[in-house]
Protein backbone atom coordinates (compact mmCIF):
# COMPACT_ATOMS: atom_id res chain seq x y z
CA MET A 1 78.31 1.85 6.24
CA ARG A 2 78.30 -1.88 6.88
CA TRP A 3 75.34 -1.61 9.26
CA ILE A 4 73.28 0.17 6.60
CA GLY A 5 73.81 -2.75 4.26
CA LEU A 6 72.78 -5.21 6.97
CA VAL A 7 69.59 -3.25 7.66
CA ALA A 8 68.76 -3.19 3.95
CA VAL A 9 69.27 -6.94 3.66
CA LEU A 10 67.12 -7.54 6.75
CA PHE A 11 64.35 -5.25 5.42
CA CYS A 12 64.28 -7.04 2.08
CA SER A 13 64.18 -10.39 3.83
CA LEU A 14 61.28 -9.35 6.04
CA SER A 15 59.40 -7.87 3.07
CA GLY A 16 59.75 -11.09 1.16
CA TRP A 17 58.60 -13.09 4.19
CA SER A 18 55.56 -10.80 4.62
CA GLU A 19 54.51 -11.18 0.98
CA ALA A 20 54.98 -14.92 1.12
CA GLU A 21 53.09 -15.38 4.39
CA THR A 22 50.14 -12.93 3.80
CA PRO A 23 47.20 -14.92 2.39
CA ALA A 24 45.44 -13.67 -0.74
CA LYS A 25 42.37 -11.55 -0.01
CA LYS A 26 39.24 -13.66 -0.36
CA PRO A 27 36.36 -12.23 -2.41
CA ASN A 28 33.18 -11.46 -0.53
CA PRO A 29 30.67 -14.33 -0.52
CA PHE A 30 27.67 -14.53 -2.83
CA LEU A 31 24.19 -13.70 -1.57
CA PRO A 32 21.26 -15.94 -2.63
CA ASN A 33 20.34 -13.36 -5.28
CA GLY A 34 23.66 -13.80 -7.10
CA TRP A 35 25.35 -10.58 -5.98
CA ARG A 36 28.37 -10.58 -3.70
CA VAL A 37 28.18 -8.89 -0.29
CA HIS A 38 29.13 -5.18 -0.78
CA ASP A 39 29.37 -5.71 -4.57
CA LEU A 40 30.44 -2.43 -6.16
CA GLU A 41 28.99 -3.54 -9.49
CA ARG A 42 25.49 -3.94 -8.03
CA PRO A 43 23.02 -1.29 -9.33
CA VAL A 44 22.19 1.38 -6.77
CA PRO A 45 18.58 2.42 -5.99
CA PRO A 46 17.05 5.13 -8.18
CA VAL A 47 16.80 8.57 -6.62
CA VAL A 48 13.30 9.45 -5.41
CA GLU A 49 12.54 12.89 -4.00
CA PRO A 50 10.33 12.55 -0.92
CA GLY A 51 7.25 14.70 -0.53
CA HIS A 52 8.01 18.04 1.09
CA GLY A 53 5.35 17.65 3.76
CA LEU A 54 3.71 14.88 5.74
CA GLY A 55 1.70 12.66 3.40
CA GLU A 56 2.79 14.45 0.22
CA ALA A 57 3.47 12.29 -2.81
CA PRO A 58 7.10 11.38 -3.60
CA SER A 59 8.46 12.11 -7.06
CA ASP A 60 7.79 8.63 -8.46
CA ALA A 61 4.17 8.39 -7.28
CA ILE A 62 1.10 8.38 -9.49
CA VAL A 63 -1.29 11.00 -8.11
CA LEU A 64 -4.81 9.60 -8.28
CA PHE A 65 -6.56 12.55 -6.65
CA ASP A 66 -5.04 15.96 -5.96
CA GLY A 67 -8.18 17.60 -4.60
CA HIS A 68 -9.17 19.12 -7.93
CA SER A 69 -9.66 16.52 -10.65
CA MET A 70 -11.25 13.07 -10.87
CA ASP A 71 -9.75 12.36 -14.29
CA ALA A 72 -7.97 9.25 -12.96
CA TRP A 73 -11.30 7.65 -12.03
CA VAL A 74 -14.41 6.17 -13.63
CA GLY A 75 -17.83 5.69 -12.09
CA THR A 76 -20.18 2.74 -11.98
CA VAL A 77 -21.78 2.22 -15.37
CA SER A 78 -25.05 0.64 -14.31
CA THR A 79 -26.87 -1.25 -11.59
CA ASN A 80 -30.24 -2.85 -11.15
CA LYS A 81 -30.70 -1.39 -7.67
CA LYS A 82 -29.99 2.32 -8.09
CA LYS A 83 -31.15 4.24 -11.14
CA LYS A 84 -29.10 7.38 -10.38
CA TYR A 85 -25.89 5.87 -11.70
CA ASN A 86 -24.61 7.47 -14.87
CA PRO A 87 -24.79 5.03 -17.79
CA LYS A 88 -21.69 6.65 -19.32
CA GLY A 89 -19.59 5.89 -16.28
CA GLU A 90 -18.74 9.43 -15.16
CA VAL A 91 -17.83 9.96 -11.52
CA LEU A 92 -20.85 11.50 -9.81
CA TRP A 93 -19.33 11.93 -6.38
CA GLN A 94 -19.35 15.54 -5.18
CA LEU A 95 -16.10 17.39 -5.85
CA ARG A 96 -15.65 20.10 -3.23
CA ASP A 97 -12.87 22.37 -1.98
CA GLY A 98 -9.86 20.05 -2.01
CA PHE A 99 -11.74 16.79 -1.43
CA VAL A 100 -14.36 14.52 -2.96
CA GLU A 101 -17.42 13.30 -1.08
CA VAL A 102 -19.19 10.00 -1.65
CA THR A 103 -22.72 10.28 -3.01
CA PRO A 104 -25.10 7.31 -3.44
CA THR A 105 -24.24 6.97 -7.12
CA GLY A 106 -22.00 3.92 -7.10
CA SER A 107 -18.42 3.01 -6.34
CA ILE A 108 -15.56 4.46 -8.38
CA SER A 109 -12.49 2.77 -9.85
CA THR A 110 -9.15 3.93 -11.21
CA ARG A 111 -8.71 3.98 -14.96
CA GLN A 112 -5.28 2.45 -14.47
CA ALA A 113 -4.67 -1.08 -13.19
CA PHE A 114 -2.23 -1.87 -10.38
CA GLY A 115 -0.66 -4.90 -8.71
CA ASP A 116 2.02 -4.67 -6.00
CA CYS A 117 1.86 -1.15 -4.63
CA GLN A 118 2.15 1.42 -1.87
CA LEU A 119 -1.08 3.39 -1.49
CA HIS A 120 -1.62 6.58 0.50
CA LEU A 121 -5.05 8.08 1.02
CA GLU A 122 -6.72 10.42 3.45
CA TRP A 123 -10.37 10.13 4.48
CA ALA A 124 -12.84 11.62 6.90
CA ALA A 125 -16.12 10.34 8.27
CA PRO A 126 -19.07 12.79 8.26
CA ILE A 127 -18.78 15.52 10.90
CA GLU A 128 -22.25 14.69 12.19
CA ALA A 129 -22.09 11.11 13.43
CA LYS A 130 -25.26 9.34 12.39
CA GLY A 131 -26.18 5.72 12.96
CA SER A 132 -24.11 3.07 14.67
CA GLY A 133 -22.06 0.03 13.80
CA GLN A 134 -21.74 -0.48 10.06
CA GLN A 135 -24.12 2.38 9.28
CA ARG A 136 -21.72 5.10 10.44
CA GLY A 137 -19.12 6.52 8.06
CA ASN A 138 -18.76 3.32 6.03
CA SER A 139 -16.70 2.92 2.87
CA GLY A 140 -13.85 0.71 1.72
CA VAL A 141 -10.65 0.51 -0.29
CA PHE A 142 -10.67 -2.45 -2.66
CA LEU A 143 -7.16 -3.32 -3.80
CA MET A 144 -7.31 -4.80 -7.29
CA GLY A 145 -11.07 -4.25 -6.97
CA ARG A 146 -11.26 -7.40 -4.81
CA TYR A 147 -9.35 -7.14 -1.54
CA GLU A 148 -10.97 -4.71 0.90
CA ILE A 149 -9.47 -2.64 3.68
CA GLN A 150 -12.46 -1.33 5.60
CA LEU A 151 -13.20 2.35 6.21
CA LEU A 152 -15.55 2.95 9.12
CA ASP A 153 -16.08 5.63 11.75
CA CYS A 154 -15.01 3.61 14.78
CA PHE A 155 -14.48 6.52 17.15
CA GLU A 156 -16.59 5.46 20.14
CA ASN A 157 -18.50 3.23 17.73
CA GLU A 158 -18.02 -0.52 17.87
CA SER A 159 -19.06 -3.13 15.36
CA TYR A 160 -18.00 -6.69 14.62
CA ALA A 161 -14.20 -6.80 14.85
CA ASP A 162 -13.48 -7.88 11.27
CA GLY A 163 -15.62 -5.01 9.98
CA MET A 164 -14.04 -2.15 11.92
CA ALA A 165 -11.66 0.47 10.53
CA ALA A 166 -8.51 -0.91 8.86
CA ALA A 167 -9.75 -4.49 9.05
CA ILE A 168 -9.30 -6.91 6.19
CA TYR A 169 -13.05 -6.98 5.83
CA GLY A 170 -14.65 -10.23 6.91
CA GLN A 171 -11.27 -11.78 7.70
CA THR A 172 -8.78 -10.06 10.02
CA PRO A 173 -9.42 -7.23 12.51
CA ALA A 174 -6.95 -4.37 12.87
CA ARG A 175 -4.46 -4.71 15.74
CA ALA A 176 -5.64 -1.37 17.16
CA ASN A 177 -8.51 1.09 16.80
CA ALA A 178 -6.66 4.26 15.75
CA CYS A 179 -9.69 6.24 14.60
CA ARG A 180 -9.91 9.99 15.03
CA PRO A 181 -13.21 11.74 15.88
CA PRO A 182 -15.81 12.23 13.11
CA GLY A 183 -14.91 14.97 10.66
CA GLU A 184 -11.16 14.81 11.30
CA TRP A 185 -8.87 13.73 8.49
CA GLN A 186 -7.32 10.29 8.82
CA THR A 187 -4.55 8.56 6.88
CA TYR A 188 -4.14 5.08 5.50
CA ASP A 189 -0.76 3.94 4.23
CA ILE A 190 -1.20 0.55 2.62
CA PHE A 191 1.56 -1.75 1.35
CA PHE A 192 0.10 -4.48 -0.84
CA THR A 193 1.53 -7.57 -2.50
CA ALA A 194 -0.75 -9.08 -5.12
CA PRO A 195 -1.42 -12.83 -5.16
CA ARG A 196 0.51 -15.10 -7.51
CA PHE A 197 -1.07 -17.78 -9.63
CA GLU A 198 0.33 -20.50 -11.86
CA GLY A 199 -2.49 -21.43 -14.15
CA ASP A 200 -5.46 -22.24 -11.92
CA ARG A 201 -3.28 -22.76 -8.85
CA LEU A 202 -2.61 -20.19 -6.12
CA VAL A 203 1.11 -20.16 -5.30
CA GLN A 204 1.15 -17.11 -3.00
CA PRO A 205 -1.74 -15.25 -1.35
CA ALA A 206 -2.12 -11.49 -1.32
CA TYR A 207 -0.45 -9.74 1.63
CA VAL A 208 -1.06 -6.34 3.18
CA THR A 209 0.51 -4.02 5.74
CA VAL A 210 -1.59 -1.08 6.93
CA VAL A 211 -0.62 2.00 8.93
CA HIS A 212 -3.63 3.95 10.23
CA ASN A 213 -2.88 7.48 11.45
CA GLY A 214 0.74 6.45 12.02
CA VAL A 215 -0.21 3.30 13.94
CA LEU A 216 0.74 -0.11 12.52
CA VAL A 217 -2.50 -2.12 12.46
CA GLN A 218 -1.84 -4.89 9.89
CA LEU A 219 1.61 -6.44 9.34
CA HIS A 220 2.20 -8.59 6.26
CA GLN A 221 -1.21 -10.11 6.83
CA PRO A 222 -2.44 -12.59 4.20
CA PHE A 223 -5.80 -12.24 2.52
CA LEU A 224 -7.71 -15.52 2.62
CA GLY A 225 -9.21 -14.56 -0.71
CA PRO A 226 -11.26 -11.76 -2.26
CA THR A 227 -13.62 -9.94 0.09
CA GLN A 228 -17.01 -11.52 0.73
CA HIS A 229 -19.94 -10.57 2.95
CA LYS A 230 -21.05 -13.33 5.31
CA LYS A 231 -19.24 -15.89 3.15
CA LEU A 232 -15.86 -17.60 3.22
CA PRO A 233 -13.33 -16.11 0.78
CA ASN A 234 -12.04 -18.24 -2.04
CA TYR A 235 -9.25 -17.44 -4.49
CA LYS A 236 -9.88 -17.62 -8.21
CA PRO A 237 -7.17 -16.83 -10.76
CA HIS A 238 -7.18 -13.27 -12.10
CA ALA A 239 -4.91 -10.80 -13.86
CA SER A 240 -1.74 -9.59 -12.15
CA ARG A 241 -3.02 -6.00 -12.25
CA ALA A 242 -6.50 -4.56 -11.76
CA PRO A 243 -8.06 -1.16 -10.93
CA LEU A 244 -8.33 0.17 -7.38
CA ARG A 245 -11.90 0.76 -6.18
CA LEU A 246 -13.40 3.10 -3.57
CA GLN A 247 -16.75 1.98 -2.22
CA ASP A 248 -20.06 3.80 -2.13
CA HIS A 249 -21.79 2.52 1.02
CA SER A 250 -24.36 5.36 1.01
CA ASN A 251 -22.41 7.36 3.63
CA PRO A 252 -20.91 10.80 2.74
CA VAL A 253 -17.31 9.84 3.48
CA ARG A 254 -14.69 12.27 2.16
CA PHE A 255 -11.39 11.56 0.41
CA ARG A 256 -8.34 13.64 -0.45
CA ASN A 257 -4.63 13.27 -1.30
CA ILE A 258 -4.64 9.83 -2.92
CA TRP A 259 -1.44 8.58 -4.52
CA ILE A 260 0.13 5.25 -5.35
CA ARG A 261 3.59 3.84 -6.03
CA GLU A 262 4.07 0.63 -7.98
CA TRP A 263 6.70 -1.86 -6.86
């Protein structure tokens, strides 16, 4: 039995040596945001149910147009140029079977204001291609009512580069012309970061990423300022949230399936 006692003594000695020599486990380091790496106390992301089909709105999206109702939108109240605009501000675009078609009755804006966001919309240029350059299937998406992503039928139709489809109008051309033929439905997925101001001072410009028909065409591209025509853009302080606007450019462009997620 003596050898059993010796083994027990040796085991206890080794155990004590192991405990003494094993360094204490260091906590994971802090990230710049104040949380530790792999911090189990850090809040997990909320659950969002994705859309069941391609382009369908996820569960946390605000549906701006479902193909049936324009209740989320208001029309242009008045203008000195066109007398057909409704003075009460109703949307006078033509609501059809699952889509809305632009009529020359003014641009429309969302009732709700937005800042940082993810925007999905689907659009189609007129089936019958008429005109050329900027006169063919022209419209625009104005983020915060100021920062335009151009809509234009650019299928076998060229114009100035910073005015073609998915361009930051008047500033930055798209990295590719991903347009489908006239009449076919196209998708824009837009990821927008609103500008930041401190008083009268700009501290961060607006940024945008655009995916056109599944093709990345703008990547975290800064806006030089609100959209201008034949003028240099210039930032002026404004609210952190503002309505989204769809442009009437006198072309019967169609829209459907418009939804937005706020950051």
